[in-house]
PDB file of N, CA and C in Angstrom:
ATOM      1  N   MET A   1      -8.658   3.627 -17.158  1.00  0.00           N
ATOM      2  CA  MET A   1      -9.215   3.145 -15.914  1.00  0.00           C
ATOM      3  C   MET A   1      -8.759   1.709 -15.694  1.00  0.00           C
ATOM      4  N   ARG A   2      -8.284   1.429 -14.519  1.00  0.00           N
ATOM      5  CA  ARG A   2      -7.832   0.101 -14.144  1.00  0.00           C
ATOM      6  C   ARG A   2      -9.009  -0.780 -13.762  1.00  0.00           C
ATOM      7  N   ILE A   3      -8.871  -2.065 -14.047  1.00  0.00           N
ATOM      8  CA  ILE A   3      -9.864  -3.057 -13.633  1.00  0.00           C
ATOM      9  C   ILE A   3      -9.279  -3.804 -12.453  1.00  0.00           C
ATOM     10  N   GLU A   4     -10.101  -4.049 -11.456  1.00  0.00           N
ATOM     11  CA  GLU A   4      -9.637  -4.721 -10.246  1.00  0.00           C
ATOM     12  C   GLU A   4      -9.120  -6.117 -10.570  1.00  0.00           C
ATOM     13  N   PRO A   5      -7.957  -6.464 -10.023  1.00  0.00           N
ATOM     14  CA  PRO A   5      -7.423  -7.804 -10.271  1.00  0.00           C
ATOM     15  C   PRO A   5      -8.265  -8.860  -9.551  1.00  0.00           C
ATOM     16  N   ASP A   6      -8.208 -10.065 -10.076  1.00  0.00           N
ATOM     17  CA  ASP A   6      -8.931 -11.181  -9.477  1.00  0.00           C
ATOM     18  C   ASP A   6      -8.081 -11.745  -8.343  1.00  0.00           C
ATOM     19  N   LEU A   7      -8.342 -11.265  -7.139  1.00  0.00           N
ATOM     20  CA  LEU A   7      -7.605 -11.749  -5.981  1.00  0.00           C
ATOM     21  C   LEU A   7      -8.547 -11.898  -4.798  1.00  0.00           C
ATOM     22  N   ASP A   8      -8.080 -12.599  -3.808  1.00  0.00           N
ATOM     23  CA  ASP A   8      -8.864 -12.864  -2.607  1.00  0.00           C
ATOM     24  C   ASP A   8      -8.665 -11.709  -1.624  1.00  0.00           C
ATOM     25  N   ARG A   9      -9.648 -10.833  -1.528  1.00  0.00           N
ATOM     26  CA  ARG A   9      -9.548  -9.663  -0.641  1.00  0.00           C
ATOM     27  C   ARG A   9      -9.336 -10.066   0.808  1.00  0.00           C
ATOM     28  N   ALA A  10      -9.978 -11.158   1.232  1.00  0.00           N
ATOM     29  CA  ALA A  10      -9.829 -11.607   2.623  1.00  0.00           C
ATOM     30  C   ALA A  10      -8.368 -11.967   2.917  1.00  0.00           C
ATOM     31  N   ARG A  11      -7.706 -12.589   1.953  1.00  0.00           N
ATOM     32  CA  ARG A  11      -6.286 -12.923   2.141  1.00  0.00           C
ATOM     33  C   ARG A  11      -5.418 -11.670   2.151  1.00  0.00           C
ATOM     34  N   LEU A  12      -5.786 -10.664   1.359  1.00  0.00           N
ATOM     35  CA  LEU A  12      -5.039  -9.408   1.374  1.00  0.00           C
ATOM     36  C   LEU A  12      -5.222  -8.705   2.719  1.00  0.00           C
ATOM     37  N   ILE A  13      -6.423  -8.729   3.255  1.00  0.00           N
ATOM     38  CA  ILE A  13      -6.671  -8.167   4.587  1.00  0.00           C
ATOM     39  C   ILE A  13      -5.854  -8.926   5.640  1.00  0.00           C
ATOM     40  N   ASP A  14      -5.765 -10.263   5.487  1.00  0.00           N
ATOM     41  CA  ASP A  14      -4.933 -11.067   6.398  1.00  0.00           C
ATOM     42  C   ASP A  14      -3.471 -10.643   6.319  1.00  0.00           C
ATOM     43  N   LEU A  15      -2.973 -10.394   5.102  1.00  0.00           N
ATOM     44  CA  LEU A  15      -1.591  -9.945   4.937  1.00  0.00           C
ATOM     45  C   LEU A  15      -1.370  -8.612   5.644  1.00  0.00           C
ATOM     46  N   LEU A  16      -2.325  -7.691   5.507  1.00  0.00           N
ATOM     47  CA  LEU A  16      -2.197  -6.388   6.171  1.00  0.00           C
ATOM     48  C   LEU A  16      -2.129  -6.562   7.694  1.00  0.00           C
ATOM     49  N   ARG A  17      -2.923  -7.487   8.212  1.00  0.00           N
ATOM     50  CA  ARG A  17      -2.922  -7.743   9.655  1.00  0.00           C
ATOM     51  C   ARG A  17      -1.626  -8.429  10.085  1.00  0.00           C
ATOM     52  N   ASP A  18      -1.261  -9.504   9.367  1.00  0.00           N
ATOM     53  CA  ASP A  18      -0.132 -10.328   9.784  1.00  0.00           C
ATOM     54  C   ASP A  18       1.224  -9.669   9.559  1.00  0.00           C
ATOM     55  N   ARG A  19       1.391  -8.931   8.463  1.00  0.00           N
ATOM     56  CA  ARG A  19       2.680  -8.332   8.149  1.00  0.00           C
ATOM     57  C   ARG A  19       2.815  -6.887   8.623  1.00  0.00           C
ATOM     58  N   TYR A  20       1.709  -6.114   8.540  1.00  0.00           N
ATOM     59  CA  TYR A  20       1.789  -4.681   8.862  1.00  0.00           C
ATOM     60  C   TYR A  20       1.069  -4.314  10.151  1.00  0.00           C
ATOM     61  N   LEU A  21       0.445  -5.299  10.787  1.00  0.00           N
ATOM     62  CA  LEU A  21      -0.283  -5.093  12.036  1.00  0.00           C
ATOM     63  C   LEU A  21      -1.415  -4.081  11.883  1.00  0.00           C
ATOM     64  N   LEU A  22      -2.027  -4.059  10.695  1.00  0.00           N
ATOM     65  CA  LEU A  22      -3.165  -3.186  10.414  1.00  0.00           C
ATOM     66  C   LEU A  22      -4.445  -4.003  10.479  1.00  0.00           C
ATOM     67  N   GLU A  23      -5.398  -3.549  11.241  1.00  0.00           N
ATOM     68  CA  GLU A  23      -6.695  -4.224  11.359  1.00  0.00           C
ATOM     69  C   GLU A  23      -7.668  -3.605  10.365  1.00  0.00           C
ATOM     70  N   ALA A  24      -7.522  -3.965   9.098  1.00  0.00           N
ATOM     71  CA  ALA A  24      -8.385  -3.428   8.046  1.00  0.00           C
ATOM     72  C   ALA A  24      -9.733  -4.133   8.074  1.00  0.00           C
ATOM     73  N   SER A  25     -10.793  -3.349   8.001  1.00  0.00           N
ATOM     74  CA  SER A  25     -12.142  -3.916   7.966  1.00  0.00           C
ATOM     75  C   SER A  25     -12.723  -3.862   6.558  1.00  0.00           C
ATOM     76  N   ARG A  26     -12.116  -3.046   5.695  1.00  0.00           N
ATOM     77  CA  ARG A  26     -12.652  -2.901   4.338  1.00  0.00           C
ATOM     78  C   ARG A  26     -11.538  -2.465   3.384  1.00  0.00           C
ATOM     79  N   LEU A  27     -11.617  -2.975   2.154  1.00  0.00           N
ATOM     80  CA  LEU A  27     -10.734  -2.538   1.074  1.00  0.00           C
ATOM     81  C   LEU A  27     -11.590  -1.931  -0.025  1.00  0.00           C
ATOM     82  N   THR A  28     -11.248  -0.744  -0.464  1.00  0.00           N
ATOM     83  CA  THR A  28     -11.953  -0.079  -1.550  1.00  0.00           C
ATOM     84  C   THR A  28     -10.993   0.058  -2.724  1.00  0.00           C
ATOM     85  N   PHE A  29     -11.359  -0.541  -3.855  1.00  0.00           N
ATOM     86  CA  PHE A  29     -10.512  -0.490  -5.045  1.00  0.00           C
ATOM     87  C   PHE A  29     -10.498   0.925  -5.615  1.00  0.00           C
ATOM     88  N   VAL A  30      -9.315   1.385  -6.016  1.00  0.00           N
ATOM     89  CA  VAL A  30      -9.142   2.693  -6.648  1.00  0.00           C
ATOM     90  C   VAL A  30      -8.833   2.432  -8.123  1.00  0.00           C
ATOM     91  N   PRO A  31      -9.778   2.715  -9.022  1.00  0.00           N
ATOM     92  CA  PRO A  31      -9.619   2.332 -10.430  1.00  0.00           C
ATOM     93  C   PRO A  31      -8.771   3.293 -11.261  1.00  0.00           C
ATOM     94  N   SER A  32      -7.609   3.671 -10.744  1.00  0.00           N
ATOM     95  CA  SER A  32      -6.716   4.525 -11.521  1.00  0.00           C
ATOM     96  C   SER A  32      -5.295   4.013 -11.350  1.00  0.00           C
ATOM     97  N   GLY A  33      -4.414   4.523 -12.139  1.00  0.00           N
ATOM     98  CA  GLY A  33      -3.027   4.077 -12.093  1.00  0.00           C
ATOM     99  C   GLY A  33      -2.627   3.493 -13.430  1.00  0.00           C
ATOM    100  N   ILE A  34      -1.353   3.519 -13.695  1.00  0.00           N
ATOM    101  CA  ILE A  34      -0.840   3.038 -14.967  1.00  0.00           C
ATOM    102  C   ILE A  34      -0.155   1.686 -14.801  1.00  0.00           C
ATOM    103  N   ASP A  35       0.660   1.563 -13.766  1.00  0.00           N
ATOM    104  CA  ASP A  35       1.455   0.347 -13.621  1.00  0.00           C
ATOM    105  C   ASP A  35       1.204  -0.387 -12.307  1.00  0.00           C
ATOM    106  N   SER A  36       0.088  -0.064 -11.639  1.00  0.00           N
ATOM    107  CA  SER A  36      -0.200  -0.711 -10.361  1.00  0.00           C
ATOM    108  C   SER A  36      -1.710  -0.754 -10.128  1.00  0.00           C
ATOM    109  N   TRP A  37      -2.085  -1.489  -9.106  1.00  0.00           N
ATOM    110  CA  TRP A  37      -3.483  -1.596  -8.691  1.00  0.00           C
ATOM    111  C   TRP A  37      -3.525  -1.133  -7.248  1.00  0.00           C
ATOM    112  N   SER A  38      -4.524  -0.335  -6.893  1.00  0.00           N
ATOM    113  CA  SER A  38      -4.529   0.305  -5.580  1.00  0.00           C
ATOM    114  C   SER A  38      -5.839   0.099  -4.843  1.00  0.00           C
ATOM    115  N   TYR A  39      -5.712   0.099  -3.524  1.00  0.00           N
ATOM    116  CA  TYR A  39      -6.852   0.004  -2.623  1.00  0.00           C
ATOM    117  C   TYR A  39      -6.671   1.009  -1.495  1.00  0.00           C
ATOM    118  N   VAL A  40      -7.768   1.463  -0.944  1.00  0.00           N
ATOM    119  CA  VAL A  40      -7.744   2.193   0.310  1.00  0.00           C
ATOM    120  C   VAL A  40      -8.256   1.226   1.355  1.00  0.00           C
ATOM    121  N   ALA A  41      -7.435   0.977   2.363  1.00  0.00           N
ATOM    122  CA  ALA A  41      -7.822   0.103   3.472  1.00  0.00           C
ATOM    123  C   ALA A  41      -8.388   0.967   4.577  1.00  0.00           C
ATOM    124  N   THR A  42      -9.606   0.663   5.001  1.00  0.00           N
ATOM    125  CA  THR A  42     -10.207   1.345   6.146  1.00  0.00           C
ATOM    126  C   THR A  42      -9.984   0.466   7.364  1.00  0.00           C
ATOM    127  N   CYS A  43      -9.374   1.049   8.371  1.00  0.00           N
ATOM    128  CA  CYS A  43      -8.977   0.296   9.557  1.00  0.00           C
ATOM    129  C   CYS A  43      -9.831   0.685  10.756  1.00  0.00           C
ATOM    130  N   ARG A  44      -9.633  -0.053  11.839  1.00  0.00           N
ATOM    131  CA  ARG A  44     -10.344   0.266  13.084  1.00  0.00           C
ATOM    132  C   ARG A  44     -10.139   1.723  13.450  1.00  0.00           C
ATOM    133  N   GLY A  45     -11.158   2.332  13.983  1.00  0.00           N
ATOM    134  CA  GLY A  45     -11.074   3.728  14.381  1.00  0.00           C
ATOM    135  C   GLY A  45     -11.201   4.692  13.222  1.00  0.00           C
ATOM    136  N   GLY A  46     -11.379   4.167  11.996  1.00  0.00           N
ATOM    137  CA  GLY A  46     -11.578   5.035  10.846  1.00  0.00           C
ATOM    138  C   GLY A  46     -10.313   5.465  10.131  1.00  0.00           C
ATOM    139  N   SER A  47      -9.141   5.071  10.638  1.00  0.00           N
ATOM    140  CA  SER A  47      -7.914   5.439   9.930  1.00  0.00           C
ATOM    141  C   SER A  47      -7.854   4.693   8.600  1.00  0.00           C
ATOM    142  N   GLN A  48      -7.051   5.214   7.683  1.00  0.00           N
ATOM    143  CA  GLN A  48      -6.947   4.618   6.363  1.00  0.00           C
ATOM    144  C   GLN A  48      -5.486   4.446   5.973  1.00  0.00           C
ATOM    145  N   ALA A  49      -5.254   3.494   5.078  1.00  0.00           N
ATOM    146  CA  ALA A  49      -3.921   3.267   4.513  1.00  0.00           C
ATOM    147  C   ALA A  49      -4.092   3.033   3.017  1.00  0.00           C
ATOM    148  N   PHE A  50      -3.079   3.397   2.265  1.00  0.00           N
ATOM    149  CA  PHE A  50      -3.082   3.199   0.823  1.00  0.00           C
ATOM    150  C   PHE A  50      -2.298   1.922   0.530  1.00  0.00           C
ATOM    151  N   VAL A  51      -2.921   0.978  -0.164  1.00  0.00           N
ATOM    152  CA  VAL A  51      -2.307  -0.314  -0.463  1.00  0.00           C
ATOM    153  C   VAL A  51      -2.078  -0.385  -1.966  1.00  0.00           C
ATOM    154  N   LYS A  52      -0.835  -0.567  -2.353  1.00  0.00           N
ATOM    155  CA  LYS A  52      -0.471  -0.571  -3.773  1.00  0.00           C
ATOM    156  C   LYS A  52       0.086  -1.942  -4.140  1.00  0.00           C
ATOM    157  N   LEU A  53      -0.463  -2.526  -5.195  1.00  0.00           N
ATOM    158  CA  LEU A  53       0.015  -3.794  -5.719  1.00  0.00           C
ATOM    159  C   LEU A  53       0.658  -3.533  -7.071  1.00  0.00           C
ATOM    160  N   SER A  54       1.859  -4.050  -7.258  1.00  0.00           N
ATOM    161  CA  SER A  54       2.530  -3.881  -8.549  1.00  0.00           C
ATOM    162  C   SER A  54       3.209  -5.187  -8.924  1.00  0.00           C
ATOM    163  N   ARG A  55       3.493  -5.307 -10.203  1.00  0.00           N
ATOM    164  CA  ARG A  55       4.272  -6.461 -10.656  1.00  0.00           C
ATOM    165  C   ARG A  55       5.713  -6.223 -10.247  1.00  0.00           C
ATOM    166  N   LYS A  56       6.490  -7.222 -10.191  1.00  0.00           N
ATOM    167  CA  LYS A  56       7.874  -7.121  -9.713  1.00  0.00           C
ATOM    168  C   LYS A  56       8.613  -5.965 -10.389  1.00  0.00           C
ATOM    169  N   ALA A  57       8.765  -4.876  -9.672  1.00  0.00           N
ATOM    170  CA  ALA A  57       9.449  -3.694 -10.201  1.00  0.00           C
ATOM    171  C   ALA A  57      10.762  -3.507  -9.458  1.00  0.00           C
ATOM    172  N   THR A  58      11.839  -3.311 -10.166  1.00  0.00           N
ATOM    173  CA  THR A  58      13.142  -3.207  -9.530  1.00  0.00           C
ATOM    174  C   THR A  58      13.305  -1.910  -8.745  1.00  0.00           C
ATOM    175  N   SER A  59      12.597  -0.862  -9.128  1.00  0.00           N
ATOM    176  CA  SER A  59      12.777   0.431  -8.455  1.00  0.00           C
ATOM    177  C   SER A  59      11.921   0.579  -7.205  1.00  0.00           C
ATOM    178  N   THR A  60      11.036  -0.362  -6.933  1.00  0.00           N
ATOM    179  CA  THR A  60      10.082  -0.222  -5.841  1.00  0.00           C
ATOM    180  C   THR A  60      10.751   0.040  -4.498  1.00  0.00           C
ATOM    181  N   ARG A  61      11.704  -0.777  -4.123  1.00  0.00           N
ATOM    182  CA  ARG A  61      12.321  -0.643  -2.801  1.00  0.00           C
ATOM    183  C   ARG A  61      13.083   0.680  -2.655  1.00  0.00           C
ATOM    184  N   SER A  62      13.816   1.083  -3.692  1.00  0.00           N
ATOM    185  CA  SER A  62      14.550   2.344  -3.596  1.00  0.00           C
ATOM    186  C   SER A  62      13.590   3.531  -3.587  1.00  0.00           C
ATOM    187  N   ASP A  63      12.496   3.443  -4.342  1.00  0.00           N
ATOM    188  CA  ASP A  63      11.481   4.502  -4.310  1.00  0.00           C
ATOM    189  C   ASP A  63      10.897   4.642  -2.915  1.00  0.00           C
ATOM    190  N   LEU A  64      10.613   3.517  -2.272  1.00  0.00           N
ATOM    191  CA  LEU A  64      10.037   3.557  -0.927  1.00  0.00           C
ATOM    192  C   LEU A  64      11.026   4.105   0.085  1.00  0.00           C
ATOM    193  N   ARG A  65      12.294   3.777  -0.065  1.00  0.00           N
ATOM    194  CA  ARG A  65      13.305   4.347   0.844  1.00  0.00           C
ATOM    195  C   ARG A  65      13.384   5.861   0.685  1.00  0.00           C
ATOM    196  N   LEU A  66      13.291   6.331  -0.564  1.00  0.00           N
ATOM    197  CA  LEU A  66      13.293   7.773  -0.813  1.00  0.00           C
ATOM    198  C   LEU A  66      12.072   8.432  -0.176  1.00  0.00           C
ATOM    199  N   LEU A  67      10.883   7.830  -0.356  1.00  0.00           N
ATOM    200  CA  LEU A  67       9.679   8.380   0.273  1.00  0.00           C
ATOM    201  C   LEU A  67       9.825   8.434   1.793  1.00  0.00           C
ATOM    202  N   ALA A  68      10.377   7.379   2.383  1.00  0.00           N
ATOM    203  CA  ALA A  68      10.566   7.355   3.842  1.00  0.00           C
ATOM    204  C   ALA A  68      11.511   8.465   4.290  1.00  0.00           C
ATOM    205  N   ALA A  69      12.595   8.673   3.544  1.00  0.00           N
ATOM    206  CA  ALA A  69      13.543   9.731   3.895  1.00  0.00           C
ATOM    207  C   ALA A  69      12.903  11.111   3.767  1.00  0.00           C
ATOM    208  N   LEU A  70      12.155  11.339   2.697  1.00  0.00           N
ATOM    209  CA  LEU A  70      11.477  12.630   2.521  1.00  0.00           C
ATOM    210  C   LEU A  70      10.436  12.855   3.611  1.00  0.00           C
ATOM    211  N   ALA A  71       9.673  11.819   3.940  1.00  0.00           N
ATOM    212  CA  ALA A  71       8.660  11.952   5.000  1.00  0.00           C
ATOM    213  C   ALA A  71       9.324  12.265   6.337  1.00  0.00           C
ATOM    214  N   ALA A  72      10.491  11.677   6.599  1.00  0.00           N
ATOM    215  CA  ALA A  72      11.216  11.951   7.839  1.00  0.00           C
ATOM    216  C   ALA A  72      11.676  13.401   7.914  1.00  0.00           C
ATOM    217  N   MET A  73      11.810  14.055   6.745  1.00  0.00           N
ATOM    218  CA  MET A  73      12.198  15.472   6.700  1.00  0.00           C
ATOM    219  C   MET A  73      10.964  16.375   6.627  1.00  0.00           C
ATOM    220  N   ASN A  74       9.792  15.798   6.911  1.00  0.00           N
ATOM    221  CA  ASN A  74       8.521  16.524   6.923  1.00  0.00           C
ATOM    222  C   ASN A  74       8.088  17.038   5.556  1.00  0.00           C
ATOM    223  N   VAL A  75       8.541  16.380   4.496  1.00  0.00           N
ATOM    224  CA  VAL A  75       8.040  16.671   3.159  1.00  0.00           C
ATOM    225  C   VAL A  75       6.699  15.956   3.031  1.00  0.00           C
ATOM    226  N   ALA A  76       5.715  16.608   2.418  1.00  0.00           N
ATOM    227  CA  ALA A  76       4.355  16.052   2.329  1.00  0.00           C
ATOM    228  C   ALA A  76       4.270  14.959   1.266  1.00  0.00           C
ATOM    229  N   VAL A  77       4.805  13.805   1.602  1.00  0.00           N
ATOM    230  CA  VAL A  77       4.715  12.616   0.757  1.00  0.00           C
ATOM    231  C   VAL A  77       4.153  11.492   1.622  1.00  0.00           C
ATOM    232  N   PRO A  78       3.540  10.497   1.008  1.00  0.00           N
ATOM    233  CA  PRO A  78       3.005   9.395   1.815  1.00  0.00           C
ATOM    234  C   PRO A  78       4.132   8.559   2.425  1.00  0.00           C
ATOM    235  N   ARG A  79       4.084   8.422   3.730  1.00  0.00           N
ATOM    236  CA  ARG A  79       5.097   7.662   4.461  1.00  0.00           C
ATOM    237  C   ARG A  79       4.832   6.161   4.276  1.00  0.00           C
ATOM    238  N   PRO A  80       5.833   5.396   3.829  1.00  0.00           N
ATOM    239  CA  PRO A  80       5.641   3.951   3.714  1.00  0.00           C
ATOM    240  C   PRO A  80       5.547   3.306   5.096  1.00  0.00           C
ATOM    241  N   PHE A  81       4.696   2.304   5.214  1.00  0.00           N
ATOM    242  CA  PHE A  81       4.603   1.506   6.435  1.00  0.00           C
ATOM    243  C   PHE A  81       5.666   0.413   6.343  1.00  0.00           C
ATOM    244  N   VAL A  82       6.351   0.176   7.426  1.00  0.00           N
ATOM    245  CA  VAL A  82       7.252  -0.966   7.485  1.00  0.00           C
ATOM    246  C   VAL A  82       6.488  -2.140   8.079  1.00  0.00           C
ATOM    247  N   ASP A  83       6.849  -3.329   7.632  1.00  0.00           N
ATOM    248  CA  ASP A  83       6.175  -4.505   8.168  1.00  0.00           C
ATOM    249  C   ASP A  83       6.818  -4.912   9.489  1.00  0.00           C
ATOM    250  N   ARG A  84       6.347  -5.975  10.069  1.00  0.00           N
ATOM    251  CA  ARG A  84       6.822  -6.386  11.400  1.00  0.00           C
ATOM    252  C   ARG A  84       8.291  -6.780  11.404  1.00  0.00           C
ATOM    253  N   ASP A  85       8.872  -7.031  10.229  1.00  0.00           N
ATOM    254  CA  ASP A  85      10.296  -7.367  10.131  1.00  0.00           C
ATOM    255  C   ASP A  85      11.135  -6.205   9.622  1.00  0.00           C
ATOM    256  N   GLY A  86      10.530  -5.025   9.486  1.00  0.00           N
ATOM    257  CA  GLY A  86      11.254  -3.854   9.011  1.00  0.00           C
ATOM    258  C   GLY A  86      11.294  -3.721   7.499  1.00  0.00           C
ATOM    259  N   GLY A  87      10.579  -4.590   6.786  1.00  0.00           N
ATOM    260  CA  GLY A  87      10.558  -4.537   5.330  1.00  0.00           C
ATOM    261  C   GLY A  87       9.526  -3.556   4.804  1.00  0.00           C
ATOM    262  N   LEU A  88       9.652  -3.229   3.525  1.00  0.00           N
ATOM    263  CA  LEU A  88       8.740  -2.278   2.898  1.00  0.00           C
ATOM    264  C   LEU A  88       7.830  -2.917   1.854  1.00  0.00           C
ATOM    265  N   VAL A  89       8.161  -4.130   1.406  1.00  0.00           N
ATOM    266  CA  VAL A  89       7.416  -4.794   0.338  1.00  0.00           C
ATOM    267  C   VAL A  89       7.176  -6.246   0.723  1.00  0.00           C
ATOM    268  N   ASN A  90       5.974  -6.739   0.423  1.00  0.00           N
ATOM    269  CA  ASN A  90       5.642  -8.139   0.676  1.00  0.00           C
ATOM    270  C   ASN A  90       5.019  -8.755  -0.565  1.00  0.00           C
ATOM    271  N   PRO A  91       5.348 -10.012  -0.865  1.00  0.00           N
ATOM    272  CA  PRO A  91       4.755 -10.681  -2.021  1.00  0.00           C
ATOM    273  C   PRO A  91       3.327 -11.134  -1.725  1.00  0.00           C
ATOM    274  N   PHE A  92       2.476 -11.093  -2.755  1.00  0.00           N
ATOM    275  CA  PHE A  92       1.097 -11.556  -2.625  1.00  0.00           C
ATOM    276  C   PHE A  92       0.565 -11.924  -4.004  1.00  0.00           C
ATOM    277  N   ASP A  93       0.358 -13.201  -4.246  1.00  0.00           N
ATOM    278  CA  ASP A  93      -0.242 -13.694  -5.496  1.00  0.00           C
ATOM    279  C   ASP A  93       0.389 -13.096  -6.757  1.00  0.00           C
ATOM    280  N   GLY A  94       1.709 -13.034  -6.809  1.00  0.00           N
ATOM    281  CA  GLY A  94       2.390 -12.510  -7.995  1.00  0.00           C
ATOM    282  C   GLY A  94       2.549 -11.005  -8.023  1.00  0.00           C
ATOM    283  N   TYR A  95       2.136 -10.331  -6.970  1.00  0.00           N
ATOM    284  CA  TYR A  95       2.269  -8.874  -6.862  1.00  0.00           C
ATOM    285  C   TYR A  95       3.242  -8.536  -5.738  1.00  0.00           C
ATOM    286  N   ASP A  96       3.822  -7.355  -5.814  1.00  0.00           N
ATOM    287  CA  ASP A  96       4.527  -6.765  -4.680  1.00  0.00           C
ATOM    288  C   ASP A  96       3.543  -5.824  -4.007  1.00  0.00           C
ATOM    289  N   VAL A  97       3.389  -5.959  -2.705  1.00  0.00           N
ATOM    290  CA  VAL A  97       2.457  -5.121  -1.937  1.00  0.00           C
ATOM    291  C   VAL A  97       3.252  -4.095  -1.137  1.00  0.00           C
ATOM    292  N   GLN A  98       2.838  -2.848  -1.278  1.00  0.00           N
ATOM    293  CA  GLN A  98       3.386  -1.748  -0.488  1.00  0.00           C
ATOM    294  C   GLN A  98       2.219  -1.117   0.262  1.00  0.00           C
ATOM    295  N   VAL A  99       2.471  -0.657   1.455  1.00  0.00           N
ATOM    296  CA  VAL A  99       1.437   0.035   2.219  1.00  0.00           C
ATOM    297  C   VAL A  99       1.984   1.405   2.568  1.00  0.00           C
ATOM    298  N   LEU A 100       1.190   2.419   2.260  1.00  0.00           N
ATOM    299  CA  LEU A 100       1.619   3.800   2.470  1.00  0.00           C
ATOM    300  C   LEU A 100       0.574   4.557   3.274  1.00  0.00           C
ATOM    301  N   GLU A 101       1.030   5.604   3.896  1.00  0.00           N
ATOM    302  CA  GLU A 101       0.127   6.513   4.594  1.00  0.00           C
ATOM    303  C   GLU A 101      -0.889   7.041   3.581  1.00  0.00           C
ATOM    304  N   TYR A 102      -2.142   7.096   3.989  1.00  0.00           N
ATOM    305  CA  TYR A 102      -3.182   7.618   3.101  1.00  0.00           C
ATOM    306  C   TYR A 102      -3.218   9.131   3.225  1.00  0.00           C
ATOM    307  N   LEU A 103      -3.011   9.812   2.109  1.00  0.00           N
ATOM    308  CA  LEU A 103      -3.133  11.267   2.066  1.00  0.00           C
ATOM    309  C   LEU A 103      -4.308  11.602   1.157  1.00  0.00           C
ATOM    310  N   ASP A 104      -5.284  12.293   1.686  1.00  0.00           N
ATOM    311  CA  ASP A 104      -6.447  12.665   0.902  1.00  0.00           C
ATOM    312  C   ASP A 104      -6.049  13.760  -0.080  1.00  0.00           C
ATOM    313  N   GLY A 105      -6.371  13.563  -1.327  1.00  0.00           N
ATOM    314  CA  GLY A 105      -6.020  14.555  -2.329  1.00  0.00           C
ATOM    315  C   GLY A 105      -6.203  13.993  -3.707  1.00  0.00           C
ATOM    316  N   HIS A 106      -5.620  14.659  -4.679  1.00  0.00           N
ATOM    317  CA  HIS A 106      -5.739  14.273  -6.084  1.00  0.00           C
ATOM    318  C   HIS A 106      -4.345  14.028  -6.638  1.00  0.00           C
ATOM    319  N   ASP A 107      -4.226  13.063  -7.549  1.00  0.00           N
ATOM    320  CA  ASP A 107      -2.939  12.830  -8.172  1.00  0.00           C
ATOM    321  C   ASP A 107      -2.678  13.900  -9.240  1.00  0.00           C
ATOM    322  N   LEU A 108      -1.423  14.034  -9.586  1.00  0.00           N
ATOM    323  CA  LEU A 108      -1.049  15.058 -10.552  1.00  0.00           C
ATOM    324  C   LEU A 108      -1.559  14.706 -11.935  1.00  0.00           C
TER     325      LEU A 108
END
């Protein structure tokens, strides 16, 4: 079980608004994962996004490009959100932040 990192949630919500144009009203920590820390962002209107924080990983960007390509082919994978500059990853307090479509379900 993962322990929530010591970070400023309000600043993370600001990043979601400023970089991804998401109006998140709440972040819920997901205490699972091996190499990352995760949150579910609840946004206006009840929509949700999956927010993943990881330490600088070299495969992150290529993994996200693969997910985007698979999602474009209608494969049931979480579609990465691009930020306002077309990027897939943003730095935050020593973490790389990725935002993905929230798919309700269970991990393998």
